[in-house]
Amino acid sequence: MHDKKKYTNKTPYSIQGLRPVSKALPRGLKTILKKGGHNYSSIINNWSSLVGKKIAGVCYPKSIKTGKELKDGILFLNVTHGDQLLVEYSKKDIIDKINVFFGYQFIKEIRLILVRERVEIKKKHDLDKNQILKYHKKIENIQNSQLKKKLEDLIGVFGKKRI
């Protein structure tokens, strides 16, 4: 009969040229991408714009469990004690908004976890005109032109973002 050749992707020597992208990614990153970690981080980054300020003030996402296809997941929310009814009644809206954000049914169910204490939200730090002038005066004393430009760009970005 015929001998079957085993074609494997792994070779004992290095291959030059094109390689699959999956071989170039670190192991830890592969598992995060398979579990949908990028989806979880995008939910966290856009949480207040997705659900609104009122709901975002009383709850925040804790974790997500999804299958291999990244569909029909379960979103776990930490909810402050006393505000669970507000979140309970708006579960369907939260699910709809998240699924519209991703464009497919990413979340199927939401489970609430009660938290006794509130998480402190970072206060916004606005730059005053006096502070900006003070920073620009300090930047003018710097000799390196590239560093000057980078610091001015940083002040501009910080002013736009208003952390």
C-alpha atoms as a PDB file:
ATOM      1  CA  MET A   1       0.000   0.000   0.000  1.00  0.00           C
ATOM      2  CA  HIS A   2       0.892   3.628   0.030  1.00  0.00           C
ATOM      3  CA  ASP A   3       2.758   5.211   2.864  1.00  0.00           C
ATOM      4  CA  LYS A   4       0.958   8.209   4.304  1.00  0.00           C
ATOM      5  CA  LYS A   5       3.053  11.270   4.864  1.00  0.00           C
ATOM      6  CA  LYS A   6       2.424  13.203   7.990  1.00  0.00           C
ATOM      7  CA  TYR A   7       2.381  16.886   7.187  1.00  0.00           C
ATOM      8  CA  THR A   8       3.022  18.886  10.287  1.00  0.00           C
ATOM      9  CA  ASN A   9       3.393  22.572  10.783  1.00  0.00           C
ATOM     10  CA  LYS A  10       6.272  22.135  13.196  1.00  0.00           C
ATOM     11  CA  THR A  11       9.706  21.599  11.751  1.00  0.00           C
ATOM     12  CA  PRO A  12      12.981  20.951  13.567  1.00  0.00           C
ATOM     13  CA  TYR A  13      14.699  23.797  11.743  1.00  0.00           C
ATOM     14  CA  SER A  14      13.818  27.455  11.330  1.00  0.00           C
ATOM     15  CA  ILE A  15      11.733  28.472   8.357  1.00  0.00           C
ATOM     16  CA  GLN A  16      12.477  31.624   6.489  1.00  0.00           C
ATOM     17  CA  GLY A  17       9.746  33.645   4.887  1.00  0.00           C
ATOM     18  CA  LEU A  18       6.101  33.748   5.817  1.00  0.00           C
ATOM     19  CA  ARG A  19       4.914  32.197   9.072  1.00  0.00           C
ATOM     20  CA  PRO A  20       1.420  31.896  10.498  1.00  0.00           C
ATOM     21  CA  VAL A  21       0.464  34.745  12.796  1.00  0.00           C
ATOM     22  CA  SER A  22      -0.488  32.271  15.522  1.00  0.00           C
ATOM     23  CA  LYS A  23       3.143  31.121  15.753  1.00  0.00           C
ATOM     24  CA  ALA A  24       4.333  34.699  16.363  1.00  0.00           C
ATOM     25  CA  LEU A  25       1.943  35.445  19.270  1.00  0.00           C
ATOM     26  CA  PRO A  26       3.007  34.690  22.841  1.00  0.00           C
ATOM     27  CA  ARG A  27       1.147  31.868  24.596  1.00  0.00           C
ATOM     28  CA  GLY A  28      -0.505  34.116  27.170  1.00  0.00           C
ATOM     29  CA  LEU A  29      -1.847  36.441  24.504  1.00  0.00           C
ATOM     30  CA  LYS A  30      -3.269  33.525  22.517  1.00  0.00           C
ATOM     31  CA  THR A  31      -5.354  32.366  25.463  1.00  0.00           C
ATOM     32  CA  ILE A  32      -6.632  35.879  26.179  1.00  0.00           C
ATOM     33  CA  LEU A  33      -7.670  36.356  22.552  1.00  0.00           C
ATOM     34  CA  LYS A  34      -9.383  32.956  22.495  1.00  0.00           C
ATOM     35  CA  LYS A  35     -11.317  33.805  25.659  1.00  0.00           C
ATOM     36  CA  GLY A  36     -12.423  37.179  24.294  1.00  0.00           C
ATOM     37  CA  GLY A  37     -10.298  39.377  26.548  1.00  0.00           C
ATOM     38  CA  HIS A  38     -10.337  42.159  23.970  1.00  0.00           C
ATOM     39  CA  ASN A  39     -14.145  42.199  24.130  1.00  0.00           C
ATOM     40  CA  TYR A  40     -14.064  42.462  27.921  1.00  0.00           C
ATOM     41  CA  SER A  41     -11.598  45.334  27.809  1.00  0.00           C
ATOM     42  CA  SER A  42     -13.688  47.183  25.228  1.00  0.00           C
ATOM     43  CA  ILE A  43     -16.760  46.784  27.459  1.00  0.00           C
ATOM     44  CA  ILE A  44     -14.838  48.224  30.410  1.00  0.00           C
ATOM     45  CA  ASN A  45     -13.460  51.127  28.358  1.00  0.00           C
ATOM     46  CA  ASN A  46     -16.892  52.058  26.996  1.00  0.00           C
ATOM     47  CA  TRP A  47     -18.992  51.089  30.035  1.00  0.00           C
ATOM     48  CA  SER A  48     -20.426  54.503  30.891  1.00  0.00           C
ATOM     49  CA  SER A  49     -21.243  55.315  27.266  1.00  0.00           C
ATOM     50  CA  LEU A  50     -22.841  51.888  26.739  1.00  0.00           C
ATOM     51  CA  VAL A  51     -25.176  51.799  29.734  1.00  0.00           C
ATOM     52  CA  GLY A  52     -25.456  55.457  30.713  1.00  0.00           C
ATOM     53  CA  LYS A  53     -24.151  57.420  33.680  1.00  0.00           C
ATOM     54  CA  LYS A  54     -26.976  56.429  36.021  1.00  0.00           C
ATOM     55  CA  ILE A  55     -26.399  52.677  35.714  1.00  0.00           C
ATOM     56  CA  ALA A  56     -22.609  53.005  35.409  1.00  0.00           C
ATOM     57  CA  GLY A  57     -22.609  54.815  38.756  1.00  0.00           C
ATOM     58  CA  VAL A  58     -24.111  51.844  40.590  1.00  0.00           C
ATOM     59  CA  CYS A  59     -22.530  48.841  38.840  1.00  0.00           C
ATOM     60  CA  TYR A  60     -19.466  47.804  36.863  1.00  0.00           C
ATOM     61  CA  PRO A  61     -18.448  44.641  34.969  1.00  0.00           C
ATOM     62  CA  LYS A  62     -16.556  42.016  36.941  1.00  0.00           C
ATOM     63  CA  SER A  63     -16.030  39.251  34.396  1.00  0.00           C
ATOM     64  CA  ILE A  64     -17.402  37.539  31.309  1.00  0.00           C
ATOM     65  CA  LYS A  65     -17.785  33.852  30.571  1.00  0.00           C
ATOM     66  CA  THR A  66     -18.191  32.845  26.945  1.00  0.00           C
ATOM     67  CA  GLY A  67     -17.881  29.721  24.863  1.00  0.00           C
ATOM     68  CA  LYS A  68     -15.293  29.076  22.183  1.00  0.00           C
ATOM     69  CA  GLU A  69     -17.349  30.905  19.569  1.00  0.00           C
ATOM     70  CA  LEU A  70     -17.543  34.052  21.752  1.00  0.00           C
ATOM     71  CA  LYS A  71     -21.334  33.967  21.630  1.00  0.00           C
ATOM     72  CA  ASP A  72     -24.059  33.761  24.268  1.00  0.00           C
ATOM     73  CA  GLY A  73     -21.824  34.867  27.122  1.00  0.00           C
ATOM     74  CA  ILE A  74     -22.639  35.620  30.724  1.00  0.00           C
ATOM     75  CA  LEU A  75     -21.709  39.064  32.064  1.00  0.00           C
ATOM     76  CA  PHE A  76     -21.114  39.321  35.803  1.00  0.00           C
ATOM     77  CA  LEU A  77     -21.772  42.783  37.266  1.00  0.00           C
ATOM     78  CA  ASN A  78     -20.735  44.070  40.678  1.00  0.00           C
ATOM     79  CA  VAL A  79     -23.686  46.063  41.990  1.00  0.00           C
ATOM     80  CA  THR A  80     -23.721  48.250  45.082  1.00  0.00           C
ATOM     81  CA  HIS A  81     -26.108  47.160  47.796  1.00  0.00           C
ATOM     82  CA  GLY A  82     -29.462  48.920  47.496  1.00  0.00           C
ATOM     83  CA  ASP A  83     -29.216  49.641  43.770  1.00  0.00           C
ATOM     84  CA  GLN A  84     -29.733  46.082  42.537  1.00  0.00           C
ATOM     85  CA  LEU A  85     -33.367  46.715  41.531  1.00  0.00           C
ATOM     86  CA  LEU A  86     -32.368  49.476  39.121  1.00  0.00           C
ATOM     87  CA  VAL A  87     -29.879  47.163  37.413  1.00  0.00           C
ATOM     88  CA  GLU A  88     -32.259  44.188  37.560  1.00  0.00           C
ATOM     89  CA  TYR A  89     -34.954  46.101  35.678  1.00  0.00           C
ATOM     90  CA  SER A  90     -32.510  47.351  33.047  1.00  0.00           C
ATOM     91  CA  LYS A  91     -30.804  44.006  32.336  1.00  0.00           C
ATOM     92  CA  LYS A  92     -32.500  43.626  28.952  1.00  0.00           C
ATOM     93  CA  ASP A  93     -31.457  47.134  27.889  1.00  0.00           C
ATOM     94  CA  ILE A  94     -27.846  46.495  28.935  1.00  0.00           C
ATOM     95  CA  ILE A  95     -27.769  43.216  26.981  1.00  0.00           C
ATOM     96  CA  ASP A  96     -29.247  44.898  23.897  1.00  0.00           C
ATOM     97  CA  LYS A  97     -26.808  47.821  24.033  1.00  0.00           C
ATOM     98  CA  ILE A  98     -23.755  45.560  24.407  1.00  0.00           C
ATOM     99  CA  ASN A  99     -24.886  43.257  21.595  1.00  0.00           C
ATOM    100  CA  VAL A 100     -25.521  46.233  19.310  1.00  0.00           C
ATOM    101  CA  PHE A 101     -22.047  47.539  20.183  1.00  0.00           C
ATOM    102  CA  PHE A 102     -20.424  44.271  19.059  1.00  0.00           C
ATOM    103  CA  GLY A 103     -22.808  43.577  16.184  1.00  0.00           C
ATOM    104  CA  TYR A 104     -23.746  40.045  17.253  1.00  0.00           C
ATOM    105  CA  GLN A 105     -25.186  38.285  20.317  1.00  0.00           C
ATOM    106  CA  PHE A 106     -22.143  38.444  22.568  1.00  0.00           C
ATOM    107  CA  ILE A 107     -24.045  38.569  25.883  1.00  0.00           C
ATOM    108  CA  LYS A 108     -27.015  36.306  26.593  1.00  0.00           C
ATOM    109  CA  GLU A 109     -27.402  36.721  30.342  1.00  0.00           C
ATOM    110  CA  ILE A 110     -26.396  39.098  33.129  1.00  0.00           C
ATOM    111  CA  ARG A 111     -25.771  37.953  36.691  1.00  0.00           C
ATOM    112  CA  LEU A 112     -25.525  40.390  39.580  1.00  0.00           C
ATOM    113  CA  ILE A 113     -23.033  40.206  42.434  1.00  0.00           C
ATOM    114  CA  LEU A 114     -23.794  42.442  45.420  1.00  0.00           C
ATOM    115  CA  VAL A 115     -20.976  44.591  46.779  1.00  0.00           C
ATOM    116  CA  ARG A 116     -21.240  46.329  50.161  1.00  0.00           C
ATOM    117  CA  GLU A 117     -18.935  49.284  49.569  1.00  0.00           C
ATOM    118  CA  ARG A 118     -18.827  51.639  46.624  1.00  0.00           C
ATOM    119  CA  VAL A 119     -15.784  51.897  44.406  1.00  0.00           C
ATOM    120  CA  GLU A 120     -14.306  55.383  44.335  1.00  0.00           C
ATOM    121  CA  ILE A 121     -14.397  56.865  40.864  1.00  0.00           C
ATOM    122  CA  LYS A 122     -11.384  58.912  39.833  1.00  0.00           C
ATOM    123  CA  LYS A 123     -12.068  62.602  39.917  1.00  0.00           C
ATOM    124  CA  LYS A 124     -11.528  64.572  36.760  1.00  0.00           C
ATOM    125  CA  HIS A 125      -8.494  66.784  36.806  1.00  0.00           C
ATOM    126  CA  ASP A 126      -8.906  69.855  34.645  1.00  0.00           C
ATOM    127  CA  LEU A 127      -5.931  72.005  33.791  1.00  0.00           C
ATOM    128  CA  ASP A 128      -6.350  75.663  34.663  1.00  0.00           C
ATOM    129  CA  LYS A 129      -5.009  78.358  32.360  1.00  0.00           C
ATOM    130  CA  ASN A 130      -2.484  79.253  35.056  1.00  0.00           C
ATOM    131  CA  GLN A 131      -1.206  75.679  35.174  1.00  0.00           C
ATOM    132  CA  ILE A 132      -0.943  75.498  31.389  1.00  0.00           C
ATOM    133  CA  LEU A 133       1.022  78.771  31.291  1.00  0.00           C
ATOM    134  CA  LYS A 134       3.300  77.511  34.063  1.00  0.00           C
ATOM    135  CA  TYR A 135       3.989  74.301  32.129  1.00  0.00           C
ATOM    136  CA  HIS A 136       4.655  76.197  28.882  1.00  0.00           C
ATOM    137  CA  LYS A 137       7.166  78.467  30.673  1.00  0.00           C
ATOM    138  CA  LYS A 138       9.000  75.421  32.001  1.00  0.00           C
ATOM    139  CA  ILE A 139       8.958  73.820  28.559  1.00  0.00           C
ATOM    140  CA  GLU A 140      10.482  76.955  26.982  1.00  0.00           C
ATOM    141  CA  ASN A 141      13.608  76.484  29.138  1.00  0.00           C
ATOM    142  CA  ILE A 142      14.265  73.030  27.668  1.00  0.00           C
ATOM    143  CA  GLN A 143      17.044  72.905  25.065  1.00  0.00           C
ATOM    144  CA  ASN A 144      16.003  69.739  23.178  1.00  0.00           C
ATOM    145  CA  SER A 145      13.474  70.663  20.456  1.00  0.00           C
ATOM    146  CA  GLN A 146      12.102  67.135  20.110  1.00  0.00           C
ATOM    147  CA  LEU A 147      11.437  66.914  23.829  1.00  0.00           C
ATOM    148  CA  LYS A 148       9.735  70.340  23.744  1.00  0.00           C
ATOM    149  CA  LYS A 149       7.398  69.211  20.971  1.00  0.00           C
ATOM    150  CA  LYS A 150       6.563  65.931  22.724  1.00  0.00           C
ATOM    151  CA  LEU A 151       5.763  67.683  26.023  1.00  0.00           C
ATOM    152  CA  GLU A 152       3.539  70.239  24.287  1.00  0.00           C
ATOM    153  CA  ASP A 153       1.709  67.405  22.539  1.00  0.00           C
ATOM    154  CA  LEU A 154       1.300  65.655  25.887  1.00  0.00           C
ATOM    155  CA  ILE A 155      -0.262  68.751  27.457  1.00  0.00           C
ATOM    156  CA  GLY A 156      -2.620  69.034  24.483  1.00  0.00           C
ATOM    157  CA  VAL A 157      -3.701  65.401  24.718  1.00  0.00           C
ATOM    158  CA  PHE A 158      -4.101  65.634  28.492  1.00  0.00           C
ATOM    159  CA  GLY A 159      -6.279  68.728  28.071  1.00  0.00           C
ATOM    160  CA  LYS A 160      -8.489  66.970  25.511  1.00  0.00           C
ATOM    161  CA  LYS A 161      -8.890  63.755  27.504  1.00  0.00           C
ATOM    162  CA  ARG A 162      -9.542  65.414  30.894  1.00  0.00           C
ATOM    163  CA  ILE A 163      -8.749  62.429  33.036  1.00  0.00           C
END
